[in-house]
PDB file of all heavy atoms in Angstrom:
ATOM      1  N   PHE A   1      86.641 148.686 -62.681  1.00  0.00           N
ATOM      2  CA  PHE A   1      86.337 147.466 -61.924  1.00  0.00           C
ATOM      3  C   PHE A   1      85.776 146.368 -62.830  1.00  0.00           C
ATOM      4  O   PHE A   1      86.096 145.189 -62.663  1.00  0.00           O
ATOM      5  CB  PHE A   1      85.346 147.771 -60.803  1.00  0.00           C
ATOM      6  CG  PHE A   1      85.931 148.539 -59.657  1.00  0.00           C
ATOM      7  CD1 PHE A   1      85.418 149.777 -59.298  1.00  0.00           C
ATOM      8  CD2 PHE A   1      86.998 148.032 -58.930  1.00  0.00           C
ATOM      9  CE1 PHE A   1      85.953 150.482 -58.238  1.00  0.00           C
ATOM     10  CE2 PHE A   1      87.538 148.734 -57.872  1.00  0.00           C
ATOM     11  CZ  PHE A   1      87.016 149.964 -57.520  1.00  0.00           C
ATOM     12  N   ASN A   2      84.933 146.750 -63.785  1.00  0.00           N
ATOM     13  CA  ASN A   2      84.380 145.757 -64.708  1.00  0.00           C
ATOM     14  C   ASN A   2      85.476 145.090 -65.529  1.00  0.00           C
ATOM     15  O   ASN A   2      85.409 143.890 -65.823  1.00  0.00           O
ATOM     16  CB  ASN A   2      83.355 146.408 -65.640  1.00  0.00           C
ATOM     17  CG  ASN A   2      82.050 146.714 -64.949  1.00  0.00           C
ATOM     18  OD1 ASN A   2      81.648 146.014 -64.010  1.00  0.00           O
ATOM     19  ND2 ASN A   2      81.368 147.755 -65.388  1.00  0.00           N
ATOM     20  N   ASP A   3      86.486 145.866 -65.904  1.00  0.00           N
ATOM     21  CA  ASP A   3      87.610 145.300 -66.653  1.00  0.00           C
ATOM     22  C   ASP A   3      88.393 144.309 -65.788  1.00  0.00           C
ATOM     23  O   ASP A   3      88.812 143.250 -66.274  1.00  0.00           O
ATOM     24  CB  ASP A   3      88.524 146.427 -67.143  1.00  0.00           C
ATOM     25  CG  ASP A   3      89.692 145.913 -67.959  1.00  0.00           C
ATOM     26  OD1 ASP A   3      89.464 145.366 -69.050  1.00  0.00           O
ATOM     27  OD2 ASP A   3      90.842 146.042 -67.492  1.00  0.00           O
ATOM     28  N   ILE A   4      88.577 144.641 -64.511  1.00  0.00           N
ATOM     29  CA  ILE A   4      89.259 143.703 -63.603  1.00  0.00           C
ATOM     30  C   ILE A   4      88.468 142.405 -63.478  1.00  0.00           C
ATOM     31  O   ILE A   4      89.026 141.303 -63.550  1.00  0.00           O
ATOM     32  CB  ILE A   4      89.463 144.359 -62.227  1.00  0.00           C
ATOM     33  CG1 ILE A   4      90.524 145.449 -62.302  1.00  0.00           C
ATOM     34  CG2 ILE A   4      89.854 143.320 -61.181  1.00  0.00           C
ATOM     35  CD1 ILE A   4      90.764 146.162 -60.986  1.00  0.00           C
ATOM     36  N   TRP A   5      87.157 142.525 -63.303  1.00  0.00           N
ATOM     37  CA  TRP A   5      86.331 141.327 -63.131  1.00  0.00           C
ATOM     38  C   TRP A   5      86.263 140.502 -64.424  1.00  0.00           C
ATOM     39  O   TRP A   5      86.200 139.279 -64.386  1.00  0.00           O
ATOM     40  CB  TRP A   5      84.941 141.740 -62.682  1.00  0.00           C
ATOM     41  CG  TRP A   5      84.018 140.584 -62.428  1.00  0.00           C
ATOM     42  CD1 TRP A   5      82.837 140.333 -63.040  1.00  0.00           C
ATOM     43  CD2 TRP A   5      84.199 139.529 -61.483  1.00  0.00           C
ATOM     44  NE1 TRP A   5      82.266 139.192 -62.557  1.00  0.00           N
ATOM     45  CE2 TRP A   5      83.084 138.674 -61.587  1.00  0.00           C
ATOM     46  CE3 TRP A   5      85.194 139.222 -60.557  1.00  0.00           C
ATOM     47  CZ2 TRP A   5      82.936 137.537 -60.812  1.00  0.00           C
ATOM     48  CZ3 TRP A   5      85.052 138.087 -59.777  1.00  0.00           C
ATOM     49  CH2 TRP A   5      83.943 137.260 -59.904  1.00  0.00           C
ATOM     50  N   LYS A   6      86.297 141.179 -65.574  1.00  0.00           N
ATOM     51  CA  LYS A   6      86.293 140.463 -66.849  1.00  0.00           C
ATOM     52  C   LYS A   6      87.559 139.620 -66.998  1.00  0.00           C
ATOM     53  O   LYS A   6      87.509 138.451 -67.394  1.00  0.00           O
ATOM     54  CB  LYS A   6      86.182 141.478 -67.996  1.00  0.00           C
ATOM     55  CG  LYS A   6      86.010 140.844 -69.376  1.00  0.00           C
ATOM     56  CD  LYS A   6      86.104 141.886 -70.474  1.00  0.00           C
ATOM     57  CE  LYS A   6      85.077 142.981 -70.294  1.00  0.00           C
ATOM     58  NZ  LYS A   6      85.163 143.986 -71.388  1.00  0.00           N
ATOM     59  N   ARG A   7      88.699 140.216 -66.676  1.00  0.00           N
ATOM     60  CA  ARG A   7      89.952 139.454 -66.756  1.00  0.00           C
ATOM     61  C   ARG A   7      90.018 138.360 -65.702  1.00  0.00           C
ATOM     62  O   ARG A   7      90.567 137.282 -65.939  1.00  0.00           O
ATOM     63  CB  ARG A   7      91.137 140.405 -66.605  1.00  0.00           C
ATOM     64  CG  ARG A   7      91.345 141.334 -67.804  1.00  0.00           C
ATOM     65  CD  ARG A   7      92.606 142.143 -67.670  1.00  0.00           C
ATOM     66  NE  ARG A   7      92.484 143.152 -66.621  1.00  0.00           N
ATOM     67  CZ  ARG A   7      93.518 143.775 -66.057  1.00  0.00           C
ATOM     68  NH1 ARG A   7      94.747 143.462 -66.420  1.00  0.00           N
ATOM     69  NH2 ARG A   7      93.314 144.691 -65.132  1.00  0.00           N
ATOM     70  N   ALA A   8      89.426 138.630 -64.531  1.00  0.00           N
ATOM     71  CA  ALA A   8      89.420 137.611 -63.473  1.00  0.00           C
ATOM     72  C   ALA A   8      88.586 136.405 -63.889  1.00  0.00           C
ATOM     73  O   ALA A   8      88.993 135.248 -63.674  1.00  0.00           O
ATOM     74  CB  ALA A   8      88.879 138.216 -62.177  1.00  0.00           C
ATOM     75  N   ARG A   9      87.440 136.637 -64.511  1.00  0.00           N
ATOM     76  CA  ARG A   9      86.602 135.513 -64.943  1.00  0.00           C
ATOM     77  C   ARG A   9      87.290 134.685 -66.021  1.00  0.00           C
ATOM     78  O   ARG A   9      87.125 133.463 -66.072  1.00  0.00           O
ATOM     79  CB  ARG A   9      85.251 136.041 -65.452  1.00  0.00           C
ATOM     80  CG  ARG A   9      84.343 136.487 -64.330  1.00  0.00           C
ATOM     81  CD  ARG A   9      82.935 136.790 -64.806  1.00  0.00           C
ATOM     82  NE  ARG A   9      82.889 137.998 -65.605  1.00  0.00           N
ATOM     83  CZ  ARG A   9      82.597 138.043 -66.893  1.00  0.00           C
ATOM     84  NH1 ARG A   9      82.335 136.916 -67.529  1.00  0.00           N
ATOM     85  NH2 ARG A   9      82.559 139.191 -67.541  1.00  0.00           N
ATOM     86  N   ALA A  10      88.057 135.352 -66.876  1.00  0.00           N
ATOM     87  CA  ALA A  10      88.805 134.604 -67.891  1.00  0.00           C
ATOM     88  C   ALA A  10      89.853 133.699 -67.246  1.00  0.00           C
ATOM     89  O   ALA A  10      90.038 132.544 -67.659  1.00  0.00           O
ATOM     90  CB  ALA A  10      89.462 135.572 -68.873  1.00  0.00           C
ATOM     91  N   LEU A  11      90.530 134.209 -66.217  1.00  0.00           N
ATOM     92  CA  LEU A  11      91.517 133.389 -65.510  1.00  0.00           C
ATOM     93  C   LEU A  11      90.840 132.284 -64.703  1.00  0.00           C
ATOM     94  O   LEU A  11      91.377 131.171 -64.578  1.00  0.00           O
ATOM     95  CB  LEU A  11      92.368 134.276 -64.595  1.00  0.00           C
ATOM     96  CG  LEU A  11      93.252 135.316 -65.305  1.00  0.00           C
ATOM     97  CD1 LEU A  11      93.941 136.212 -64.283  1.00  0.00           C
ATOM     98  CD2 LEU A  11      94.284 134.627 -66.189  1.00  0.00           C
ATOM     99  N   PHE A  12      89.659 132.582 -64.158  1.00  0.00           N
ATOM    100  CA  PHE A  12      88.916 131.536 -63.441  1.00  0.00           C
ATOM    101  C   PHE A  12      88.561 130.381 -64.383  1.00  0.00           C
ATOM    102  O   PHE A  12      88.661 129.207 -64.016  1.00  0.00           O
ATOM    103  CB  PHE A  12      87.628 132.112 -62.848  1.00  0.00           C
ATOM    104  CG  PHE A  12      87.848 133.085 -61.722  1.00  0.00           C
ATOM    105  CD1 PHE A  12      86.841 133.968 -61.339  1.00  0.00           C
ATOM    106  CD2 PHE A  12      89.058 133.132 -61.049  1.00  0.00           C
ATOM    107  CE1 PHE A  12      87.039 134.861 -60.312  1.00  0.00           C
ATOM    108  CE2 PHE A  12      89.264 134.032 -60.016  1.00  0.00           C
ATOM    109  CZ  PHE A  12      88.254 134.905 -59.649  1.00  0.00           C
ATOM    110  N   ALA A  13      88.136 130.726 -65.606  1.00  0.00           N
ATOM    111  CA  ALA A  13      87.739 129.692 -66.562  1.00  0.00           C
ATOM    112  C   ALA A  13      88.922 128.826 -66.967  1.00  0.00           C
ATOM    113  O   ALA A  13      88.785 127.606 -67.145  1.00  0.00           O
ATOM    114  CB  ALA A  13      87.110 130.345 -67.790  1.00  0.00           C
ATOM    115  N   LYS A  14      90.115 129.435 -67.100  1.00  0.00           N
ATOM    116  CA  LYS A  14      91.295 128.655 -67.475  1.00  0.00           C
ATOM    117  C   LYS A  14      91.677 127.660 -66.390  1.00  0.00           C
ATOM    118  O   LYS A  14      92.165 126.562 -66.681  1.00  0.00           O
ATOM    119  CB  LYS A  14      92.468 129.597 -67.758  1.00  0.00           C
ATOM    120  CG  LYS A  14      92.319 130.400 -69.045  1.00  0.00           C
ATOM    121  CD  LYS A  14      93.542 131.264 -69.285  1.00  0.00           C
ATOM    122  CE  LYS A  14      93.411 132.051 -70.582  1.00  0.00           C
ATOM    123  NZ  LYS A  14      94.601 132.914 -70.828  1.00  0.00           N
ATOM    124  N   GLN A  15      91.468 128.039 -65.139  1.00  0.00           N
ATOM    125  CA  GLN A  15      91.829 127.161 -64.020  1.00  0.00           C
ATOM    126  C   GLN A  15      90.631 126.370 -63.486  1.00  0.00           C
ATOM    127  O   GLN A  15      90.738 125.743 -62.433  1.00  0.00           O
ATOM    128  CB  GLN A  15      92.452 127.996 -62.900  1.00  0.00           C
ATOM    129  CG  GLN A  15      93.698 128.759 -63.327  1.00  0.00           C
ATOM    130  CD  GLN A  15      94.348 129.501 -62.171  1.00  0.00           C
ATOM    131  OE1 GLN A  15      94.202 129.120 -61.015  1.00  0.00           O
ATOM    132  NE2 GLN A  15      95.072 130.570 -62.490  1.00  0.00           N
ATOM    133  N   ASP A  16      89.501 126.421 -64.225  1.00  0.00           N
ATOM    134  CA  ASP A  16      88.290 125.680 -63.853  1.00  0.00           C
ATOM    135  C   ASP A  16      87.814 126.065 -62.450  1.00  0.00           C
ATOM    136  O   ASP A  16      87.456 125.215 -61.634  1.00  0.00           O
ATOM    137  CB  ASP A  16      88.532 124.172 -63.941  1.00  0.00           C
ATOM    138  CG  ASP A  16      87.215 123.389 -63.970  1.00  0.00           C
ATOM    139  OD1 ASP A  16      86.194 123.992 -64.336  1.00  0.00           O
ATOM    140  OD2 ASP A  16      87.213 122.204 -63.601  1.00  0.00           O
ATOM    141  N   LEU A  17      87.798 127.375 -62.190  1.00  0.00           N
ATOM    142  CA  LEU A  17      87.286 127.901 -60.924  1.00  0.00           C
ATOM    143  C   LEU A  17      85.913 128.503 -61.189  1.00  0.00           C
ATOM    144  O   LEU A  17      85.738 129.291 -62.127  1.00  0.00           O
ATOM    145  CB  LEU A  17      88.227 128.974 -60.362  1.00  0.00           C
ATOM    146  CG  LEU A  17      89.685 128.565 -60.164  1.00  0.00           C
ATOM    147  CD1 LEU A  17      90.518 129.764 -59.734  1.00  0.00           C
ATOM    148  CD2 LEU A  17      89.797 127.456 -59.139  1.00  0.00           C
ATOM    149  N   ARG A  18      84.931 128.163 -60.348  1.00  0.00           N
ATOM    150  CA  ARG A  18      83.570 128.639 -60.566  1.00  0.00           C
ATOM    151  C   ARG A  18      82.976 129.178 -59.270  1.00  0.00           C
ATOM    152  O   ARG A  18      82.109 128.555 -58.643  1.00  0.00           O
ATOM    153  CB  ARG A  18      82.699 127.517 -61.127  1.00  0.00           C
ATOM    154  CG  ARG A  18      83.241 126.924 -62.422  1.00  0.00           C
ATOM    155  CD  ARG A  18      82.243 126.000 -63.063  1.00  0.00           C
ATOM    156  NE  ARG A  18      81.073 126.735 -63.510  1.00  0.00           N
ATOM    157  CZ  ARG A  18      80.011 126.162 -64.056  1.00  0.00           C
ATOM    158  NH1 ARG A  18      79.972 124.864 -64.206  1.00  0.00           N
ATOM    159  NH2 ARG A  18      78.978 126.887 -64.428  1.00  0.00           N
ATOM    160  N   PRO A  19      83.436 130.332 -58.825  1.00  0.00           N
ATOM    161  CA  PRO A  19      82.860 130.923 -57.605  1.00  0.00           C
ATOM    162  C   PRO A  19      81.461 131.473 -57.878  1.00  0.00           C
ATOM    163  O   PRO A  19      81.109 131.814 -59.014  1.00  0.00           O
ATOM    164  CB  PRO A  19      83.841 132.042 -57.255  1.00  0.00           C
ATOM    165  CG  PRO A  19      84.458 132.417 -58.561  1.00  0.00           C
ATOM    166  CD  PRO A  19      84.535 131.155 -59.374  1.00  0.00           C
ATOM    167  N   TYR A  20      80.670 131.580 -56.843  1.00  0.00           N
ATOM    168  CA  TYR A  20      79.322 132.125 -56.951  1.00  0.00           C
ATOM    169  C   TYR A  20      79.040 132.973 -55.717  1.00  0.00           C
ATOM    170  O   TYR A  20      79.633 132.786 -54.659  1.00  0.00           O
ATOM    171  CB  TYR A  20      78.288 131.009 -57.092  1.00  0.00           C
ATOM    172  CG  TYR A  20      78.270 130.018 -55.950  1.00  0.00           C
ATOM    173  CD1 TYR A  20      77.397 130.162 -54.871  1.00  0.00           C
ATOM    174  CD2 TYR A  20      79.134 128.922 -55.938  1.00  0.00           C
ATOM    175  CE1 TYR A  20      77.383 129.253 -53.815  1.00  0.00           C
ATOM    176  CE2 TYR A  20      79.130 128.005 -54.897  1.00  0.00           C
ATOM    177  CZ  TYR A  20      78.258 128.174 -53.841  1.00  0.00           C
ATOM    178  OH  TYR A  20      78.254 127.280 -52.797  1.00  0.00           O
ATOM    179  N   GLY A  21      78.141 133.913 -55.863  1.00  0.00           N
ATOM    180  CA  GLY A  21      77.806 134.794 -54.746  1.00  0.00           C
ATOM    181  C   GLY A  21      77.186 136.096 -55.221  1.00  0.00           C
ATOM    182  O   GLY A  21      76.387 136.115 -56.153  1.00  0.00           O
ATOM    183  N   PHE A  22      77.622 137.212 -54.597  1.00  0.00           N
ATOM    184  CA  PHE A  22      77.032 138.518 -54.892  1.00  0.00           C
ATOM    185  C   PHE A  22      78.103 139.595 -54.921  1.00  0.00           C
ATOM    186  O   PHE A  22      79.155 139.475 -54.273  1.00  0.00           O
ATOM    187  CB  PHE A  22      75.982 138.894 -53.842  1.00  0.00           C
ATOM    188  CG  PHE A  22      74.593 138.496 -54.221  1.00  0.00           C
ATOM    189  CD1 PHE A  22      74.109 137.244 -53.904  1.00  0.00           C
ATOM    190  CD2 PHE A  22      73.776 139.370 -54.908  1.00  0.00           C
ATOM    191  CE1 PHE A  22      72.834 136.874 -54.253  1.00  0.00           C
ATOM    192  CE2 PHE A  22      72.492 139.009 -55.259  1.00  0.00           C
ATOM    193  CZ  PHE A  22      72.015 137.758 -54.931  1.00  0.00           C
ATOM    194  N   ARG A  23      77.783 140.645 -55.672  1.00  0.00           N
ATOM    195  CA  ARG A  23      78.625 141.831 -55.727  1.00  0.00           C
ATOM    196  C   ARG A  23      77.778 143.056 -55.423  1.00  0.00           C
ATOM    197  O   ARG A  23      76.664 143.204 -55.938  1.00  0.00           O
ATOM    198  CB  ARG A  23      79.234 141.973 -57.127  1.00  0.00           C
ATOM    199  CG  ARG A  23      80.151 143.174 -57.285  1.00  0.00           C
ATOM    200  CD  ARG A  23      80.025 143.768 -58.663  1.00  0.00           C
ATOM    201  NE  ARG A  23      78.757 144.451 -58.859  1.00  0.00           N
ATOM    202  CZ  ARG A  23      78.331 144.916 -60.028  1.00  0.00           C
ATOM    203  NH1 ARG A  23      79.040 144.735 -61.107  1.00  0.00           N
ATOM    204  NH2 ARG A  23      77.158 145.559 -60.113  1.00  0.00           N
ATOM    205  N   VAL A  24      78.295 143.939 -54.565  1.00  0.00           N
ATOM    206  CA  VAL A  24      77.611 145.175 -54.179  1.00  0.00           C
ATOM    207  C   VAL A  24      78.537 146.344 -54.487  1.00  0.00           C
ATOM    208  O   VAL A  24      79.713 146.329 -54.101  1.00  0.00           O
ATOM    209  CB  VAL A  24      77.226 145.170 -52.686  1.00  0.00           C
ATOM    210  CG1 VAL A  24      76.588 146.498 -52.300  1.00  0.00           C
ATOM    211  CG2 VAL A  24      76.284 144.017 -52.374  1.00  0.00           C
ATOM    212  N   VAL A  25      78.021 147.349 -55.181  1.00  0.00           N
ATOM    213  CA  VAL A  25      78.789 148.561 -55.479  1.00  0.00           C
ATOM    214  C   VAL A  25      78.319 149.659 -54.540  1.00  0.00           C
ATOM    215  O   VAL A  25      77.123 149.933 -54.431  1.00  0.00           O
ATOM    216  CB  VAL A  25      78.606 148.990 -56.944  1.00  0.00           C
ATOM    217  CG1 VAL A  25      79.431 150.240 -57.232  1.00  0.00           C
ATOM    218  CG2 VAL A  25      79.003 147.870 -57.882  1.00  0.00           C
ATOM    219  N   GLU A  26      79.276 150.293 -53.886  1.00  0.00           N
ATOM    220  CA  GLU A  26      78.965 151.332 -52.896  1.00  0.00           C
ATOM    221  C   GLU A  26      79.833 152.548 -53.167  1.00  0.00           C
ATOM    222  O   GLU A  26      81.004 152.410 -53.553  1.00  0.00           O
ATOM    223  CB  GLU A  26      79.237 150.788 -51.491  1.00  0.00           C
ATOM    224  CG  GLU A  26      78.818 151.719 -50.373  1.00  0.00           C
ATOM    225  CD  GLU A  26      79.237 151.175 -49.019  1.00  0.00           C
ATOM    226  OE1 GLU A  26      80.175 150.366 -48.974  1.00  0.00           O
ATOM    227  OE2 GLU A  26      78.634 151.573 -48.006  1.00  0.00           O
ATOM    228  N   PRO A  27      79.297 153.771 -52.991  1.00  0.00           N
ATOM    229  CA  PRO A  27      80.127 154.958 -53.201  1.00  0.00           C
ATOM    230  C   PRO A  27      80.962 155.290 -51.970  1.00  0.00           C
ATOM    231  O   PRO A  27      80.523 155.089 -50.831  1.00  0.00           O
ATOM    232  CB  PRO A  27      79.098 156.052 -53.481  1.00  0.00           C
ATOM    233  CG  PRO A  27      77.885 155.615 -52.719  1.00  0.00           C
ATOM    234  CD  PRO A  27      77.886 154.120 -52.746  1.00  0.00           C
ATOM    235  N   HIS A  28      82.176 155.776 -52.214  1.00  0.00           N
ATOM    236  CA  HIS A  28      82.938 156.409 -51.143  1.00  0.00           C
ATOM    237  C   HIS A  28      82.310 157.767 -50.822  1.00  0.00           C
ATOM    238  O   HIS A  28      81.379 158.213 -51.492  1.00  0.00           O
ATOM    239  CB  HIS A  28      84.405 156.597 -51.555  1.00  0.00           C
ATOM    240  CG  HIS A  28      85.233 155.356 -51.410  1.00  0.00           C
ATOM    241  ND1 HIS A  28      85.395 154.712 -50.207  1.00  0.00           N
ATOM    242  CD2 HIS A  28      85.948 154.645 -52.310  1.00  0.00           C
ATOM    243  CE1 HIS A  28      86.181 153.662 -50.361  1.00  0.00           C
ATOM    244  NE2 HIS A  28      86.531 153.597 -51.635  1.00  0.00           N
ATOM    245  N   HIS A  29      82.829 158.407 -49.829  1.00  0.00           N
ATOM    246  CA  HIS A  29      82.242 159.698 -49.427  1.00  0.00           C
ATOM    247  C   HIS A  29      82.325 160.734 -50.535  1.00  0.00           C
ATOM    248  O   HIS A  29      81.505 161.657 -50.605  1.00  0.00           O
ATOM    249  CB  HIS A  29      82.966 160.209 -48.168  1.00  0.00           C
ATOM    250  CG  HIS A  29      84.352 160.699 -48.438  1.00  0.00           C
ATOM    251  ND1 HIS A  29      84.711 162.019 -48.335  1.00  0.00           N
ATOM    252  CD2 HIS A  29      85.479 160.045 -48.838  1.00  0.00           C
ATOM    253  CE1 HIS A  29      85.995 162.167 -48.630  1.00  0.00           C
ATOM    254  NE2 HIS A  29      86.480 160.980 -48.928  1.00  0.00           N
ATOM    255  N   ASP A  30      83.302 160.595 -51.473  1.00  0.00           N
ATOM    256  CA  ASP A  30      83.468 161.558 -52.555  1.00  0.00           C
ATOM    257  C   ASP A  30      82.801 161.113 -53.850  1.00  0.00           C
ATOM    258  O   ASP A  30      83.003 161.735 -54.897  1.00  0.00           O
ATOM    259  CB  ASP A  30      84.956 161.815 -52.813  1.00  0.00           C
ATOM    260  CG  ASP A  30      85.688 160.562 -53.268  1.00  0.00           C
ATOM    261  OD1 ASP A  30      85.145 159.454 -53.080  1.00  0.00           O
ATOM    262  OD2 ASP A  30      86.805 160.685 -53.804  1.00  0.00           O
ATOM    263  N   GLY A  31      81.998 160.051 -53.797  1.00  0.00           N
ATOM    264  CA  GLY A  31      81.272 159.595 -54.975  1.00  0.00           C
ATOM    265  C   GLY A  31      82.019 158.608 -55.841  1.00  0.00           C
ATOM    266  O   GLY A  31      81.481 158.178 -56.864  1.00  0.00           O
ATOM    267  N   CYS A  32      83.229 158.228 -55.468  1.00  0.00           N
ATOM    268  CA  CYS A  32      83.974 157.226 -56.228  1.00  0.00           C
ATOM    269  C   CYS A  32      83.513 155.836 -55.792  1.00  0.00           C
ATOM    270  O   CYS A  32      83.444 155.551 -54.597  1.00  0.00           O
ATOM    271  CB  CYS A  32      85.472 157.387 -56.000  1.00  0.00           C
ATOM    272  SG  CYS A  32      86.478 156.145 -56.852  1.00  0.00           S
ATOM    273  N   PRO A  33      83.179 154.930 -56.717  1.00  0.00           N
ATOM    274  CA  PRO A  33      82.664 153.615 -56.318  1.00  0.00           C
ATOM    275  C   PRO A  33      83.763 152.677 -55.835  1.00  0.00           C
ATOM    276  O   PRO A  33      84.947 152.839 -56.163  1.00  0.00           O
ATOM    277  CB  PRO A  33      82.030 153.089 -57.607  1.00  0.00           C
ATOM    278  CG  PRO A  33      82.809 153.740 -58.697  1.00  0.00           C
ATOM    279  CD  PRO A  33      83.177 155.106 -58.175  1.00  0.00           C
ATOM    280  N   HIS A  34      83.358 151.703 -55.034  1.00  0.00           N
ATOM    281  CA  HIS A  34      84.208 150.563 -54.687  1.00  0.00           C
ATOM    282  C   HIS A  34      83.317 149.334 -54.570  1.00  0.00           C
ATOM    283  O   HIS A  34      82.109 149.452 -54.382  1.00  0.00           O
ATOM    284  CB  HIS A  34      84.990 150.810 -53.395  1.00  0.00           C
ATOM    285  CG  HIS A  34      84.135 151.010 -52.180  1.00  0.00           C
ATOM    286  ND1 HIS A  34      83.417 152.163 -51.941  1.00  0.00           N
ATOM    287  CD2 HIS A  34      83.862 150.189 -51.126  1.00  0.00           C
ATOM    288  CE1 HIS A  34      82.753 152.060 -50.800  1.00  0.00           C
ATOM    289  NE2 HIS A  34      82.991 150.865 -50.289  1.00  0.00           N
ATOM    290  N   TRP A  35      83.912 148.173 -54.697  1.00  0.00           N
ATOM    291  CA  TRP A  35      83.162 146.919 -54.747  1.00  0.00           C
ATOM    292  C   TRP A  35      83.311 146.128 -53.467  1.00  0.00           C
ATOM    293  O   TRP A  35      84.390 146.095 -52.864  1.00  0.00           O
ATOM    294  CB  TRP A  35      83.651 146.050 -55.915  1.00  0.00           C
ATOM    295  CG  TRP A  35      83.143 146.475 -57.259  1.00  0.00           C
ATOM    296  CD1 TRP A  35      82.649 147.692 -57.600  1.00  0.00           C
ATOM    297  CD2 TRP A  35      83.102 145.670 -58.440  1.00  0.00           C
ATOM    298  NE1 TRP A  35      82.300 147.705 -58.918  1.00  0.00           N
ATOM    299  CE2 TRP A  35      82.562 146.481 -59.461  1.00  0.00           C
ATOM    300  CE3 TRP A  35      83.469 144.367 -58.736  1.00  0.00           C
ATOM    301  CZ2 TRP A  35      82.383 145.999 -60.756  1.00  0.00           C
ATOM    302  CZ3 TRP A  35      83.291 143.897 -60.020  1.00  0.00           C
ATOM    303  CH2 TRP A  35      82.748 144.708 -61.019  1.00  0.00           C
ATOM    304  N   HIS A  36      82.206 145.481 -53.078  1.00  0.00           N
ATOM    305  CA  HIS A  36      82.221 144.445 -52.040  1.00  0.00           C
ATOM    306  C   HIS A  36      81.719 143.156 -52.681  1.00  0.00           C
ATOM    307  O   HIS A  36      80.668 143.165 -53.342  1.00  0.00           O
ATOM    308  CB  HIS A  36      81.330 144.825 -50.852  1.00  0.00           C
ATOM    309  CG  HIS A  36      81.771 146.043 -50.116  1.00  0.00           C
ATOM    310  ND1 HIS A  36      82.943 146.100 -49.396  1.00  0.00           N
ATOM    311  CD2 HIS A  36      81.191 147.266 -49.988  1.00  0.00           C
ATOM    312  CE1 HIS A  36      83.065 147.294 -48.852  1.00  0.00           C
ATOM    313  NE2 HIS A  36      82.024 148.027 -49.198  1.00  0.00           N
ATOM    314  N   MET A  37      82.442 142.072 -52.497  1.00  0.00           N
ATOM    315  CA  MET A  37      82.086 140.800 -53.117  1.00  0.00           C
ATOM    316  C   MET A  37      82.041 139.698 -52.062  1.00  0.00           C
ATOM    317  O   MET A  37      82.965 139.565 -51.252  1.00  0.00           O
ATOM    318  CB  MET A  37      83.086 140.421 -54.215  1.00  0.00           C
ATOM    319  CG  MET A  37      83.260 141.471 -55.291  1.00  0.00           C
ATOM    320  SD  MET A  37      84.375 140.958 -56.615  1.00  0.00           S
ATOM    321  CE  MET A  37      83.341 139.748 -57.433  1.00  0.00           C
ATOM    322  N   LEU A  38      80.958 138.953 -52.062  1.00  0.00           N
ATOM    323  CA  LEU A  38      80.809 137.774 -51.219  1.00  0.00           C
ATOM    324  C   LEU A  38      80.772 136.561 -52.133  1.00  0.00           C
ATOM    325  O   LEU A  38      79.801 136.356 -52.864  1.00  0.00           O
ATOM    326  CB  LEU A  38      79.524 137.859 -50.395  1.00  0.00           C
ATOM    327  CG  LEU A  38      79.189 136.637 -49.538  1.00  0.00           C
ATOM    328  CD1 LEU A  38      80.261 136.396 -48.478  1.00  0.00           C
ATOM    329  CD2 LEU A  38      77.820 136.789 -48.890  1.00  0.00           C
ATOM    330  N   LEU A  39      81.841 135.770 -52.133  1.00  0.00           N
ATOM    331  CA  LEU A  39      81.974 134.635 -53.038  1.00  0.00           C
ATOM    332  C   LEU A  39      82.113 133.338 -52.252  1.00  0.00           C
ATOM    333  O   LEU A  39      82.777 133.300 -51.207  1.00  0.00           O
ATOM    334  CB  LEU A  39      83.197 134.808 -53.959  1.00  0.00           C
ATOM    335  CG  LEU A  39      83.188 136.021 -54.893  1.00  0.00           C
ATOM    336  CD1 LEU A  39      84.443 136.036 -55.745  1.00  0.00           C
ATOM    337  CD2 LEU A  39      81.937 136.026 -55.773  1.00  0.00           C
ATOM    338  N   PHE A  40      81.478 132.303 -52.780  1.00  0.00           N
ATOM    339  CA  PHE A  40      81.592 130.954 -52.232  1.00  0.00           C
ATOM    340  C   PHE A  40      82.285 130.074 -53.266  1.00  0.00           C
ATOM    341  O   PHE A  40      82.032 130.208 -54.472  1.00  0.00           O
ATOM    342  CB  PHE A  40      80.212 130.378 -51.896  1.00  0.00           C
ATOM    343  CG  PHE A  40      79.457 131.175 -50.876  1.00  0.00           C
ATOM    344  CD1 PHE A  40      78.520 132.115 -51.261  1.00  0.00           C
ATOM    345  CD2 PHE A  40      79.687 130.982 -49.524  1.00  0.00           C
ATOM    346  CE1 PHE A  40      77.815 132.847 -50.332  1.00  0.00           C
ATOM    347  CE2 PHE A  40      78.991 131.715 -48.580  1.00  0.00           C
ATOM    348  CZ  PHE A  40      78.058 132.651 -48.982  1.00  0.00           C
ATOM    349  N   MET A  41      83.117 129.164 -52.787  1.00  0.00           N
ATOM    350  CA  MET A  41      83.875 128.287 -53.678  1.00  0.00           C
ATOM    351  C   MET A  41      84.343 127.071 -52.890  1.00  0.00           C
ATOM    352  O   MET A  41      84.220 127.028 -51.657  1.00  0.00           O
ATOM    353  CB  MET A  41      85.069 129.043 -54.261  1.00  0.00           C
ATOM    354  CG  MET A  41      86.087 129.475 -53.214  1.00  0.00           C
ATOM    355  SD  MET A  41      86.885 131.017 -53.587  1.00  0.00           S
ATOM    356  CE  MET A  41      85.633 132.200 -53.098  1.00  0.00           C
ATOM    357  N   GLU A  42      84.867 126.092 -53.592  1.00  0.00           N
ATOM    358  CA  GLU A  42      85.425 124.936 -52.908  1.00  0.00           C
ATOM    359  C   GLU A  42      86.647 125.354 -52.105  1.00  0.00           C
ATOM    360  O   GLU A  42      87.361 126.291 -52.470  1.00  0.00           O
ATOM    361  CB  GLU A  42      85.786 123.852 -53.919  1.00  0.00           C
ATOM    362  CG  GLU A  42      84.588 123.294 -54.668  1.00  0.00           C
ATOM    363  CD  GLU A  42      84.960 122.155 -55.600  1.00  0.00           C
ATOM    364  OE1 GLU A  42      86.132 121.719 -55.552  1.00  0.00           O
ATOM    365  OE2 GLU A  42      84.095 121.702 -56.370  1.00  0.00           O
ATOM    366  N   LYS A  43      86.892 124.644 -51.012  1.00  0.00           N
ATOM    367  CA  LYS A  43      87.952 125.057 -50.093  1.00  0.00           C
ATOM    368  C   LYS A  43      89.319 125.115 -50.769  1.00  0.00           C
ATOM    369  O   LYS A  43      90.142 125.968 -50.465  1.00  0.00           O
ATOM    370  CB  LYS A  43      87.988 124.103 -48.899  1.00  0.00           C
ATOM    371  CG  LYS A  43      86.776 124.224 -47.982  1.00  0.00           C
ATOM    372  CD  LYS A  43      86.910 123.339 -46.767  1.00  0.00           C
ATOM    373  CE  LYS A  43      85.704 123.509 -45.833  1.00  0.00           C
ATOM    374  NZ  LYS A  43      85.801 122.650 -44.632  1.00  0.00           N
TER     375      LYS A  43
END
């Protein structure tokens, strides 16, 4: 997931996108993590 977010931020910077908010990591029932993200940005 960190690798996905790293590449996403690089693409955001190229297109001058600057979202802000929060990220929460939660385990699935078997201990595998998944992400929840609440982001705010221009419409």
